[in-house]
């Protein structure tokens, strides 16, 4: 029995150093492993930081472009609104110009010498003046170019007449006044232009 006990003790002792050796190797491997993974994780962190920095830079540029685009859209919308306000009266003003023309024709048809028509002439002239003042208040300005050089942007030549008294290409007669609304032509002046004799 003592022999069996001795054999068990010996085998237990011989097994014990083997376990200790395995544990030591495992512990050494665990100690070595963090040392190797530390440089890898640092490198990985640097790479991730660079990628994030690049993404941040790209997003920053994209944000600036979007802000610039929004600012351009706002400016365009503001210009469109201003233009709509400026020229909203264009059609209405164009319709009223025929009334002004008729008042001018009526005044021209009245005999200034006739006392019975004098009161009517004065009434028509006051009405026309008031009408023109209202149009001018709303930026509808007459174009009456008599004696000025012909301008194709503002005038429409009805005929050309040889005239030695004035420079060629000068407006010598206005059949119908033109009008502008905030600087934009809404009706050209109908004119007679001189040519060299």
N, C-alpha and C. Protein backbone atom coordinates (compact mmCIF):
# COMPACT_ATOMS: atom_id res chain seq x y z
N UNK A 1 0.79 -1.17 0.00
CA UNK A 1 0.00 0.00 0.00
C UNK A 1 0.83 1.24 0.00
N UNK A 2 1.89 1.20 0.66
CA UNK A 2 2.80 2.33 0.71
C UNK A 2 3.42 2.54 -0.64
N UNK A 3 3.57 1.49 -1.40
CA UNK A 3 4.14 1.63 -2.74
C UNK A 3 3.15 2.36 -3.64
N UNK A 4 1.88 1.96 -3.50
CA UNK A 4 0.86 2.64 -4.32
C UNK A 4 0.79 4.11 -4.00
N UNK A 5 0.89 4.43 -2.74
CA UNK A 5 0.84 5.83 -2.31
C UNK A 5 2.02 6.57 -2.85
N UNK A 6 3.17 5.94 -2.82
CA UNK A 6 4.38 6.58 -3.33
C UNK A 6 4.25 6.82 -4.83
N UNK A 7 3.70 5.85 -5.51
CA UNK A 7 3.55 6.02 -6.95
C UNK A 7 2.58 7.15 -7.26
N UNK A 8 1.49 7.25 -6.50
CA UNK A 8 0.52 8.33 -6.72
C UNK A 8 1.16 9.67 -6.45
N UNK A 9 1.94 9.77 -5.36
CA UNK A 9 2.63 11.02 -5.03
C UNK A 9 3.57 11.41 -6.13
N UNK A 10 4.30 10.43 -6.66
CA UNK A 10 5.28 10.71 -7.71
C UNK A 10 4.57 11.17 -8.98
N UNK A 11 3.50 10.45 -9.31
CA UNK A 11 2.79 10.84 -10.53
C UNK A 11 2.12 12.20 -10.36
N UNK A 12 1.66 12.50 -9.15
CA UNK A 12 1.05 13.81 -8.90
C UNK A 12 2.09 14.89 -9.00
N UNK A 13 3.30 14.62 -8.49
CA UNK A 13 4.39 15.59 -8.55
C UNK A 13 4.81 15.81 -9.99
N UNK A 14 4.86 14.70 -10.77
CA UNK A 14 5.31 14.85 -12.15
C UNK A 14 4.25 15.58 -12.99
N UNK A 15 3.00 15.40 -12.65
CA UNK A 15 1.94 16.12 -13.38
C UNK A 15 1.92 17.58 -13.01
N UNK A 16 2.20 17.91 -11.80
CA UNK A 16 2.13 19.28 -11.31
C UNK A 16 3.07 20.22 -12.06
N UNK A 17 4.34 19.87 -12.27
CA UNK A 17 5.20 20.77 -13.02
C UNK A 17 4.71 20.98 -14.44
N UNK A 18 4.08 20.01 -15.06
CA UNK A 18 3.57 20.18 -16.42
C UNK A 18 2.49 21.25 -16.46
N UNK A 19 1.57 21.25 -15.50
CA UNK A 19 0.49 22.23 -15.43
C UNK A 19 1.09 23.61 -15.22
N UNK A 20 2.06 23.68 -14.33
CA UNK A 20 2.71 24.97 -14.08
C UNK A 20 3.37 25.49 -15.34
N UNK A 21 3.97 24.66 -16.11
CA UNK A 21 4.63 25.08 -17.35
C UNK A 21 3.60 25.58 -18.35
N UNK A 22 2.47 24.85 -18.48
CA UNK A 22 1.41 25.28 -19.39
C UNK A 22 0.84 26.62 -18.97
N UNK A 23 0.61 26.78 -17.66
CA UNK A 23 0.07 28.04 -17.15
C UNK A 23 1.04 29.18 -17.42
N UNK A 24 2.32 28.91 -17.23
CA UNK A 24 3.33 29.93 -17.48
C UNK A 24 3.33 30.35 -18.95
N UNK A 25 3.29 29.36 -19.84
CA UNK A 25 3.29 29.68 -21.27
C UNK A 25 2.05 30.48 -21.66
N UNK A 26 0.91 30.09 -21.10
CA UNK A 26 -0.33 30.81 -21.39
C UNK A 26 -0.26 32.24 -20.88
N UNK A 27 0.27 32.42 -19.68
CA UNK A 27 0.39 33.76 -19.09
C UNK A 27 1.34 34.62 -19.91
N UNK A 28 2.44 34.01 -20.36
CA UNK A 28 3.40 34.75 -21.18
C UNK A 28 2.76 35.16 -22.51
N UNK A 29 1.97 34.25 -23.08
CA UNK A 29 1.31 34.55 -24.34
C UNK A 29 0.32 35.70 -24.16
N UNK A 30 -0.39 35.72 -23.05
CA UNK A 30 -1.35 36.81 -22.76
C UNK A 30 -0.63 38.12 -22.56
N UNK A 31 0.52 38.07 -21.92
CA UNK A 31 1.30 39.30 -21.69
C UNK A 31 1.84 39.81 -23.02
N UNK A 32 2.33 38.89 -23.86
CA UNK A 32 2.89 39.30 -25.15
C UNK A 32 1.80 39.83 -26.09
N UNK A 33 0.63 39.27 -26.01
CA UNK A 33 -0.44 39.64 -26.93
C UNK A 33 -0.84 41.11 -26.83
N UNK A 34 -1.09 41.70 -25.65
CA UNK A 34 -1.44 43.11 -25.61
C UNK A 34 -0.33 44.00 -26.15
N UNK A 35 0.90 43.60 -25.97
CA UNK A 35 1.99 44.41 -26.49
C UNK A 35 1.94 44.46 -28.01
N UNK A 36 1.58 43.33 -28.66
CA UNK A 36 1.51 43.32 -30.11
C UNK A 36 0.26 44.06 -30.59
N UNK A 37 -0.85 43.94 -29.90
CA UNK A 37 -2.09 44.56 -30.34
C UNK A 37 -2.09 46.06 -30.07
N UNK A 38 -1.30 46.54 -29.14
CA UNK A 38 -1.24 47.97 -28.83
C UNK A 38 -0.79 48.79 -30.02
N UNK A 39 0.32 48.45 -30.70
CA UNK A 39 0.69 49.22 -31.88
C UNK A 39 -0.35 49.11 -32.99
N UNK A 40 -0.98 47.94 -33.12
CA UNK A 40 -2.01 47.79 -34.15
C UNK A 40 -3.21 48.68 -33.83
N UNK A 41 -3.64 48.73 -32.59
CA UNK A 41 -4.79 49.56 -32.24
C UNK A 41 -4.45 51.04 -32.36
N UNK A 42 -3.23 51.43 -32.07
CA UNK A 42 -2.82 52.83 -32.26
C UNK A 42 -2.87 53.19 -33.73
N UNK A 43 -2.34 52.32 -34.56
CA UNK A 43 -2.34 52.54 -36.02
C UNK A 43 -3.78 52.60 -36.53
N UNK A 44 -4.60 51.70 -36.02
CA UNK A 44 -6.00 51.67 -36.42
C UNK A 44 -6.71 52.95 -35.99
N UNK A 45 -6.42 53.42 -34.78
CA UNK A 45 -7.04 54.66 -34.27
C UNK A 45 -6.61 55.85 -35.13
N UNK A 46 -5.35 55.88 -35.54
CA UNK A 46 -4.86 56.97 -36.38
C UNK A 46 -5.56 56.95 -37.73
N UNK A 47 -5.70 55.76 -38.31
CA UNK A 47 -6.37 55.61 -39.59
C UNK A 47 -7.83 56.04 -39.48
N UNK A 48 -8.51 55.61 -38.44
CA UNK A 48 -9.90 56.00 -38.23
C UNK A 48 -10.02 57.51 -38.05
N UNK A 49 -9.09 58.10 -37.30
CA UNK A 49 -9.10 59.55 -37.09
C UNK A 49 -8.92 60.29 -38.41
N UNK A 50 -8.02 59.80 -39.26
CA UNK A 50 -7.81 60.42 -40.57
C UNK A 50 -9.07 60.31 -41.43
N UNK A 51 -9.70 59.13 -41.41
CA UNK A 51 -10.93 58.94 -42.18
C UNK A 51 -12.03 59.88 -41.69
N UNK A 52 -12.16 59.98 -40.38
CA UNK A 52 -13.18 60.88 -39.81
C UNK A 52 -12.88 62.33 -40.16
N UNK A 53 -11.61 62.70 -40.13
CA UNK A 53 -11.21 64.07 -40.48
C UNK A 53 -11.55 64.36 -41.95
N UNK A 54 -11.31 63.38 -42.81
CA UNK A 54 -11.62 63.53 -44.23
C UNK A 54 -13.13 63.66 -44.44
N UNK A 55 -13.90 62.82 -43.73
CA UNK A 55 -15.36 62.90 -43.83
C UNK A 55 -15.86 64.25 -43.34
N UNK A 56 -15.28 64.73 -42.24
CA UNK A 56 -15.67 66.03 -41.68
C UNK A 56 -15.37 67.14 -42.68
N UNK A 57 -14.22 67.07 -43.31
CA UNK A 57 -13.85 68.07 -44.30
C UNK A 57 -14.81 68.05 -45.49
N UNK A 58 -15.14 66.85 -45.94
CA UNK A 58 -16.07 66.70 -47.07
C UNK A 58 -17.46 67.24 -46.70
N UNK A 59 -17.91 66.90 -45.51
CA UNK A 59 -19.23 67.40 -45.07
C UNK A 59 -19.23 68.91 -44.90
N UNK A 60 -18.10 69.46 -44.44
CA UNK A 60 -18.00 70.91 -44.30
C UNK A 60 -18.10 71.61 -45.65
N UNK A 61 -17.41 71.05 -46.66
CA UNK A 61 -17.48 71.62 -48.02
C UNK A 61 -18.90 71.50 -48.57
N UNK A 62 -19.51 70.35 -48.32
CA UNK A 62 -20.89 70.13 -48.80
C UNK A 62 -21.85 71.12 -48.14
N UNK A 63 -21.65 71.36 -46.86
CA UNK A 63 -22.50 72.32 -46.14
C UNK A 63 -22.33 73.72 -46.72
N UNK A 64 -21.10 74.12 -47.01
CA UNK A 64 -20.85 75.44 -47.59
C UNK A 64 -21.53 75.58 -48.95
N UNK A 65 -21.44 74.52 -49.76
CA UNK A 65 -22.10 74.55 -51.07
C UNK A 65 -23.61 74.67 -50.93
N UNK A 66 -24.18 73.92 -49.98
CA UNK A 66 -25.63 73.97 -49.76
C UNK A 66 -26.05 75.36 -49.27
N UNK A 67 -25.25 75.96 -48.38
CA UNK A 67 -25.58 77.30 -47.90
C UNK A 67 -25.51 78.32 -49.03
N UNK A 68 -24.50 78.20 -49.89
CA UNK A 68 -24.38 79.11 -51.03
C UNK A 68 -25.57 78.95 -51.97
N UNK A 69 -25.96 77.71 -52.21
CA UNK A 69 -27.11 77.45 -53.08
C UNK A 69 -28.39 78.03 -52.50
N UNK A 70 -28.58 77.87 -51.19
CA UNK A 70 -29.77 78.44 -50.53
C UNK A 70 -29.77 79.97 -50.63
N UNK A 71 -28.61 80.56 -50.47
CA UNK A 71 -28.50 82.02 -50.57
C UNK A 71 -28.85 82.47 -52.00
N UNK A 72 -28.38 81.73 -53.00
CA UNK A 72 -28.72 82.05 -54.39
C UNK A 72 -30.22 81.91 -54.65
N UNK A 73 -30.82 80.88 -54.09
CA UNK A 73 -32.26 80.67 -54.26
C UNK A 73 -33.03 81.83 -53.62
N UNK A 74 -32.59 82.25 -52.43
CA UNK A 74 -33.24 83.38 -51.75
C UNK A 74 -33.14 84.65 -52.59
N UNK A 75 -31.93 84.91 -53.11
CA UNK A 75 -31.74 86.11 -53.95
C UNK A 75 -32.63 86.08 -55.18
N UNK A 76 -32.67 84.91 -55.85
CA UNK A 76 -33.51 84.79 -57.04
C UNK A 76 -34.98 85.03 -56.71
N UNK A 77 -35.42 84.44 -55.62
CA UNK A 77 -36.82 84.61 -55.20
C UNK A 77 -37.11 86.07 -54.87
N UNK A 78 -36.16 86.72 -54.20
CA UNK A 78 -36.34 88.13 -53.86
C UNK A 78 -36.42 88.99 -55.13
N UNK A 79 -35.53 88.69 -56.11
CA UNK A 79 -35.57 89.43 -57.38
C UNK A 79 -36.90 89.21 -58.10
N UNK A 80 -37.39 87.97 -58.08
CA UNK A 80 -38.66 87.66 -58.74
C UNK A 80 -39.81 88.40 -58.07
N UNK A 81 -39.79 88.45 -56.75
CA UNK A 81 -40.84 89.17 -56.02
C UNK A 81 -40.79 90.66 -56.33
N UNK A 82 -39.57 91.22 -56.32
CA UNK A 82 -39.41 92.65 -56.63
C UNK A 82 -39.89 92.94 -58.05
N UNK A 83 -39.52 92.07 -58.98
CA UNK A 83 -39.94 92.24 -60.37
C UNK A 83 -41.46 92.15 -60.49
N UNK A 84 -42.05 91.21 -59.77
CA UNK A 84 -43.51 91.07 -59.80
C UNK A 84 -44.19 92.33 -59.25
N UNK A 85 -43.61 92.89 -58.18
CA UNK A 85 -44.18 94.13 -57.62
C UNK A 85 -44.03 95.30 -58.60
N UNK A 86 -42.86 95.37 -59.22
CA UNK A 86 -42.58 96.49 -60.13
C UNK A 86 -43.49 96.45 -61.35
N UNK A 87 -43.68 95.26 -61.91
CA UNK A 87 -44.36 95.17 -63.20
C UNK A 87 -45.75 94.55 -63.11
N UNK A 88 -46.31 94.48 -61.91
CA UNK A 88 -47.66 93.93 -61.74
C UNK A 88 -48.70 94.80 -62.45
N UNK A 89 -48.43 96.09 -62.54
CA UNK A 89 -49.38 97.02 -63.15
C UNK A 89 -49.25 97.12 -64.66
N UNK A 90 -48.35 96.36 -65.25
CA UNK A 90 -48.06 96.54 -66.68
C UNK A 90 -49.30 96.40 -67.56
N UNK A 91 -50.03 95.34 -67.39
CA UNK A 91 -51.22 95.12 -68.23
C UNK A 91 -52.28 96.19 -67.95
N UNK A 92 -52.48 96.49 -66.69
CA UNK A 92 -53.47 97.50 -66.30
C UNK A 92 -53.10 98.87 -66.87
N UNK A 93 -51.82 99.23 -66.73
CA UNK A 93 -51.34 100.53 -67.23
C UNK A 93 -51.48 100.60 -68.75
N UNK A 94 -51.18 99.51 -69.43
CA UNK A 94 -51.30 99.49 -70.89
C UNK A 94 -52.75 99.72 -71.32
N UNK A 95 -53.67 99.15 -70.58
CA UNK A 95 -55.10 99.36 -70.88
C UNK A 95 -55.51 100.81 -70.66
N UNK A 96 -54.94 101.46 -69.65
CA UNK A 96 -55.30 102.85 -69.36
C UNK A 96 -54.73 103.84 -70.37
N UNK A 97 -53.70 103.46 -71.09
CA UNK A 97 -53.08 104.38 -72.05
C UNK A 97 -54.04 104.78 -73.16
N UNK A 98 -54.95 103.91 -73.54
CA UNK A 98 -55.93 104.27 -74.57
C UNK A 98 -56.86 105.38 -74.07
N UNK A 99 -57.12 105.41 -72.76
CA UNK A 99 -57.94 106.48 -72.17
C UNK A 99 -57.19 107.81 -72.28
N UNK A 100 -55.89 107.79 -71.99
CA UNK A 100 -55.07 109.00 -72.10
C UNK A 100 -55.07 109.48 -73.55
N UNK A 101 -54.90 108.55 -74.49
CA UNK A 101 -54.90 108.92 -75.91
C UNK A 101 -56.22 109.59 -76.30
N UNK A 102 -57.33 109.02 -75.85
CA UNK A 102 -58.64 109.59 -76.19
C UNK A 102 -58.84 110.96 -75.58
N UNK A 103 -58.36 111.15 -74.35
CA UNK A 103 -58.46 112.49 -73.74
C UNK A 103 -57.63 113.50 -74.53
N UNK A 104 -56.43 113.11 -74.96
CA UNK A 104 -55.59 114.02 -75.75
C UNK A 104 -56.25 114.35 -77.09
N UNK A 105 -56.86 113.34 -77.73
CA UNK A 105 -57.56 113.59 -79.00
C UNK A 105 -58.76 114.52 -78.80
N UNK A 106 -59.47 114.32 -77.69
CA UNK A 106 -60.63 115.17 -77.41
C UNK A 106 -60.20 116.62 -77.20
N UNK A 107 -59.11 116.83 -76.50
CA UNK A 107 -58.62 118.19 -76.28
C UNK A 107 -58.18 118.81 -77.61
N UNK A 108 -57.53 117.99 -78.46
CA UNK A 108 -57.09 118.49 -79.77
C UNK A 108 -58.26 118.83 -80.70
N UNK A 109 -59.39 118.19 -80.49
CA UNK A 109 -60.55 118.41 -81.36
C UNK A 109 -61.37 119.63 -80.95
N UNK A 110 -61.16 120.14 -79.76
CA UNK A 110 -61.94 121.28 -79.27
C UNK A 110 -61.36 122.56 -79.86
N UNK A 111 -62.26 123.44 -80.27
CA UNK A 111 -61.87 124.74 -80.82
C UNK A 111 -61.61 125.67 -79.65
N UNK A 112 -60.36 126.09 -79.47
CA UNK A 112 -59.97 126.93 -78.34
C UNK A 112 -60.59 128.31 -78.43
N UNK A 113 -60.99 128.76 -79.64
CA UNK A 113 -61.58 130.09 -79.84
C UNK A 113 -63.05 130.13 -79.40
N UNK A 114 -63.70 129.01 -79.43
CA UNK A 114 -65.13 128.96 -79.11
C UNK A 114 -65.32 129.03 -77.59
N UNK A 115 -65.99 130.08 -77.13
CA UNK A 115 -66.21 130.31 -75.69
C UNK A 115 -67.08 129.22 -75.07
N UNK A 116 -67.99 128.66 -75.84
CA UNK A 116 -68.89 127.64 -75.29
C UNK A 116 -68.14 126.33 -75.00
N UNK A 117 -67.03 126.11 -75.69
CA UNK A 117 -66.26 124.88 -75.49
C UNK A 117 -65.09 125.08 -74.53
N UNK A 118 -64.87 126.32 -74.10
CA UNK A 118 -63.72 126.60 -73.25
C UNK A 118 -63.80 125.85 -71.92
N UNK A 119 -64.95 125.80 -71.30
CA UNK A 119 -65.11 125.12 -70.02
C UNK A 119 -64.88 123.61 -70.17
N UNK A 120 -65.35 123.06 -71.29
CA UNK A 120 -65.15 121.63 -71.56
C UNK A 120 -63.67 121.35 -71.75
N UNK A 121 -62.98 122.21 -72.48
CA UNK A 121 -61.55 122.05 -72.74
C UNK A 121 -60.77 122.08 -71.43
N UNK A 122 -61.12 123.03 -70.56
CA UNK A 122 -60.44 123.13 -69.27
C UNK A 122 -60.68 121.88 -68.43
N UNK A 123 -61.90 121.37 -68.43
CA UNK A 123 -62.23 120.16 -67.68
C UNK A 123 -61.46 118.95 -68.20
N UNK A 124 -61.40 118.83 -69.52
CA UNK A 124 -60.65 117.71 -70.11
C UNK A 124 -59.15 117.82 -69.80
N UNK A 125 -58.62 119.03 -69.88
CA UNK A 125 -57.19 119.23 -69.59
C UNK A 125 -56.86 118.88 -68.14
N UNK A 126 -57.74 119.29 -67.21
CA UNK A 126 -57.53 118.94 -65.79
C UNK A 126 -57.63 117.43 -65.58
N UNK A 127 -58.58 116.79 -66.25
CA UNK A 127 -58.74 115.34 -66.14
C UNK A 127 -57.50 114.63 -66.67
N UNK A 128 -57.01 115.11 -67.84
CA UNK A 128 -55.80 114.51 -68.42
C UNK A 128 -54.60 114.71 -67.52
N UNK A 129 -54.45 115.92 -66.96
CA UNK A 129 -53.31 116.20 -66.06
C UNK A 129 -53.36 115.29 -64.84
N UNK A 130 -54.54 115.14 -64.24
CA UNK A 130 -54.70 114.27 -63.07
C UNK A 130 -54.36 112.82 -63.43
N UNK A 131 -54.85 112.42 -64.60
CA UNK A 131 -54.60 111.05 -65.06
C UNK A 131 -53.10 110.80 -65.23
N UNK A 132 -52.41 111.74 -65.89
CA UNK A 132 -50.96 111.62 -66.11
C UNK A 132 -50.23 111.62 -64.77
N UNK A 133 -50.65 112.45 -63.83
CA UNK A 133 -50.02 112.50 -62.49
C UNK A 133 -50.16 111.15 -61.77
N UNK A 134 -51.32 110.54 -61.87
CA UNK A 134 -51.55 109.23 -61.24
C UNK A 134 -50.64 108.17 -61.88
N UNK A 135 -50.56 108.19 -63.21
CA UNK A 135 -49.69 107.24 -63.90
C UNK A 135 -48.23 107.44 -63.49
N UNK A 136 -47.80 108.71 -63.44
CA UNK A 136 -46.41 109.02 -63.06
C UNK A 136 -46.13 108.58 -61.63
N UNK A 137 -47.11 108.75 -60.76
CA UNK A 137 -46.95 108.32 -59.36
C UNK A 137 -46.68 106.81 -59.28
N UNK A 138 -47.24 106.07 -60.22
CA UNK A 138 -47.04 104.61 -60.25
C UNK A 138 -45.97 104.20 -61.26
N UNK A 139 -45.05 105.12 -61.54
CA UNK A 139 -43.86 104.89 -62.39
C UNK A 139 -44.18 104.61 -63.85
N UNK A 140 -45.33 105.08 -64.32
CA UNK A 140 -45.65 105.00 -65.75
C UNK A 140 -45.31 106.37 -66.32
N UNK A 141 -44.21 106.42 -67.10
CA UNK A 141 -43.67 107.70 -67.57
C UNK A 141 -43.85 107.79 -69.09
N UNK A 142 -44.34 108.96 -69.58
CA UNK A 142 -44.51 109.11 -71.03
C UNK A 142 -43.16 109.28 -71.75
N UNK A 143 -43.13 108.79 -72.98
CA UNK A 143 -41.97 108.98 -73.86
C UNK A 143 -42.44 109.87 -74.99
N UNK A 144 -42.01 111.14 -74.97
CA UNK A 144 -42.40 112.11 -75.99
C UNK A 144 -41.12 112.63 -76.63
N UNK A 145 -40.63 111.96 -77.68
CA UNK A 145 -39.28 112.21 -78.18
C UNK A 145 -39.14 113.27 -79.28
N UNK A 146 -40.11 114.14 -79.45
CA UNK A 146 -40.03 115.09 -80.56
C UNK A 146 -38.75 115.92 -80.46
N UNK A 147 -38.02 116.00 -81.57
CA UNK A 147 -36.77 116.76 -81.63
C UNK A 147 -35.54 115.97 -81.15
N UNK A 148 -35.74 114.76 -80.69
CA UNK A 148 -34.62 113.93 -80.21
C UNK A 148 -34.20 112.93 -81.28
N UNK A 149 -32.99 112.40 -81.17
CA UNK A 149 -32.57 111.36 -82.13
C UNK A 149 -33.44 110.11 -81.98
N UNK A 150 -33.65 109.43 -83.09
CA UNK A 150 -34.46 108.22 -83.09
C UNK A 150 -33.77 107.12 -82.28
N UNK A 151 -34.53 106.47 -81.39
CA UNK A 151 -34.02 105.36 -80.57
C UNK A 151 -34.93 104.15 -80.80
N UNK A 152 -34.39 103.14 -81.47
CA UNK A 152 -35.19 101.97 -81.82
C UNK A 152 -35.70 101.22 -80.60
N UNK A 153 -35.07 101.40 -79.44
CA UNK A 153 -35.52 100.73 -78.22
C UNK A 153 -36.78 101.37 -77.65
N UNK A 154 -37.01 102.66 -77.96
CA UNK A 154 -38.15 103.37 -77.39
C UNK A 154 -39.16 103.85 -78.43
N UNK A 155 -38.73 103.94 -79.69
CA UNK A 155 -39.58 104.53 -80.72
C UNK A 155 -39.87 103.53 -81.82
N UNK A 156 -41.01 103.72 -82.46
CA UNK A 156 -41.36 102.93 -83.63
C UNK A 156 -41.59 103.92 -84.77
N UNK A 157 -40.76 103.84 -85.81
CA UNK A 157 -40.87 104.76 -86.94
C UNK A 157 -42.05 104.36 -87.82
N UNK A 158 -42.97 105.30 -87.99
CA UNK A 158 -44.12 105.06 -88.84
C UNK A 158 -43.77 105.43 -90.28
N UNK A 159 -43.03 106.54 -90.43
CA UNK A 159 -42.58 106.95 -91.77
C UNK A 159 -41.30 107.75 -91.65
N UNK A 160 -40.64 107.91 -92.79
CA UNK A 160 -39.41 108.71 -92.84
C UNK A 160 -39.63 109.80 -93.87
N UNK A 161 -39.30 111.04 -93.47
CA UNK A 161 -39.55 112.20 -94.32
C UNK A 161 -38.24 112.95 -94.53
N UNK A 162 -37.90 113.29 -95.78
CA UNK A 162 -36.70 114.11 -96.01
C UNK A 162 -36.88 115.50 -95.40
N UNK A 163 -35.88 115.94 -94.65
CA UNK A 163 -35.96 117.25 -94.01
C UNK A 163 -34.54 117.80 -93.86
N UNK A 164 -34.28 118.93 -94.50
CA UNK A 164 -32.94 119.53 -94.47
C UNK A 164 -32.73 120.39 -93.25
N UNK A 165 -33.81 120.74 -92.54
CA UNK A 165 -33.70 121.66 -91.40
C UNK A 165 -33.16 120.97 -90.14
N UNK A 166 -33.30 119.67 -90.05
CA UNK A 166 -32.82 118.94 -88.86
C UNK A 166 -31.84 117.85 -89.28
N UNK A 167 -31.12 117.35 -88.31
CA UNK A 167 -30.17 116.26 -88.55
C UNK A 167 -30.93 115.02 -89.04
N UNK A 168 -30.31 114.24 -89.90
CA UNK A 168 -30.97 112.99 -90.30
C UNK A 168 -31.16 112.08 -89.08
N UNK A 169 -32.20 111.28 -89.13
CA UNK A 169 -32.51 110.32 -88.06
C UNK A 169 -33.01 111.01 -86.78
N UNK A 170 -33.68 112.15 -86.95
CA UNK A 170 -34.26 112.89 -85.82
C UNK A 170 -35.78 112.75 -85.87
N UNK A 171 -36.39 112.63 -84.70
CA UNK A 171 -37.85 112.53 -84.61
C UNK A 171 -38.43 113.92 -84.87
N UNK A 172 -39.24 114.05 -85.94
CA UNK A 172 -39.81 115.36 -86.26
C UNK A 172 -41.29 115.46 -85.92
N UNK A 173 -41.93 114.32 -85.68
CA UNK A 173 -43.35 114.35 -85.32
C UNK A 173 -43.68 113.10 -84.50
N UNK A 174 -44.56 113.25 -83.50
CA UNK A 174 -44.97 112.11 -82.67
C UNK A 174 -46.47 111.90 -82.88
N UNK A 175 -46.82 110.76 -83.47
CA UNK A 175 -48.24 110.43 -83.66
C UNK A 175 -48.87 109.97 -82.35
N UNK A 176 -48.12 109.19 -81.60
CA UNK A 176 -48.64 108.64 -80.35
C UNK A 176 -47.47 108.50 -79.37
N UNK A 177 -47.67 109.03 -78.16
CA UNK A 177 -46.61 108.94 -77.14
C UNK A 177 -46.38 107.49 -76.73
N UNK A 178 -45.16 107.22 -76.34
CA UNK A 178 -44.85 105.91 -75.77
C UNK A 178 -44.84 106.02 -74.26
N UNK A 179 -44.76 104.88 -73.57
CA UNK A 179 -44.74 104.87 -72.11
C UNK A 179 -43.83 103.78 -71.60
N UNK A 180 -43.19 104.07 -70.46
CA UNK A 180 -42.37 103.07 -69.78
C UNK A 180 -42.93 102.85 -68.37
N UNK A 181 -42.75 101.65 -67.86
CA UNK A 181 -43.13 101.32 -66.48
C UNK A 181 -41.88 100.86 -65.76
N UNK A 182 -41.44 101.65 -64.79
CA UNK A 182 -40.20 101.37 -64.06
C UNK A 182 -39.03 101.13 -65.01
N UNK A 183 -38.96 101.93 -66.07
CA UNK A 183 -37.85 101.82 -67.01
C UNK A 183 -38.06 100.79 -68.11
N UNK A 184 -39.08 99.96 -68.01
CA UNK A 184 -39.37 98.95 -69.05
C UNK A 184 -40.41 99.52 -70.01
N UNK A 185 -40.13 99.43 -71.29
CA UNK A 185 -41.04 99.95 -72.30
C UNK A 185 -42.32 99.11 -72.33
N UNK A 186 -43.47 99.80 -72.18
CA UNK A 186 -44.74 99.07 -72.29
C UNK A 186 -45.47 99.44 -73.58
N UNK A 187 -45.08 100.60 -74.18
CA UNK A 187 -45.61 100.96 -75.50
C UNK A 187 -44.62 101.90 -76.16
N UNK A 188 -44.17 101.58 -77.40
CA UNK A 188 -43.23 102.47 -78.08
C UNK A 188 -43.94 103.72 -78.60
N UNK A 189 -43.19 104.79 -78.75
CA UNK A 189 -43.74 106.03 -79.33
C UNK A 189 -43.79 105.85 -80.84
N UNK A 190 -44.93 106.22 -81.44
CA UNK A 190 -45.08 106.14 -82.90
C UNK A 190 -44.62 107.47 -83.46
N UNK A 191 -43.55 107.45 -84.27
CA UNK A 191 -42.90 108.70 -84.66
C UNK A 191 -42.63 108.76 -86.16
N UNK A 192 -42.41 110.02 -86.64
CA UNK A 192 -41.94 110.27 -87.99
C UNK A 192 -40.49 110.70 -87.86
N UNK A 193 -39.62 110.08 -88.66
CA UNK A 193 -38.18 110.33 -88.57
C UNK A 193 -37.69 111.03 -89.81
N UNK A 194 -36.75 111.96 -89.62
CA UNK A 194 -36.21 112.72 -90.74
C UNK A 194 -35.10 111.93 -91.43
N UNK A 195 -34.97 112.19 -92.74
CA UNK A 195 -33.84 111.64 -93.50
C UNK A 195 -33.14 112.81 -94.18
N UNK A 196 -31.98 112.56 -94.70
CA UNK A 196 -31.27 113.65 -95.40
C UNK A 196 -31.99 113.95 -96.72
N UNK A 197 -32.01 115.24 -97.05
CA UNK A 197 -32.77 115.67 -98.25
C UNK A 197 -32.08 115.28 -99.53
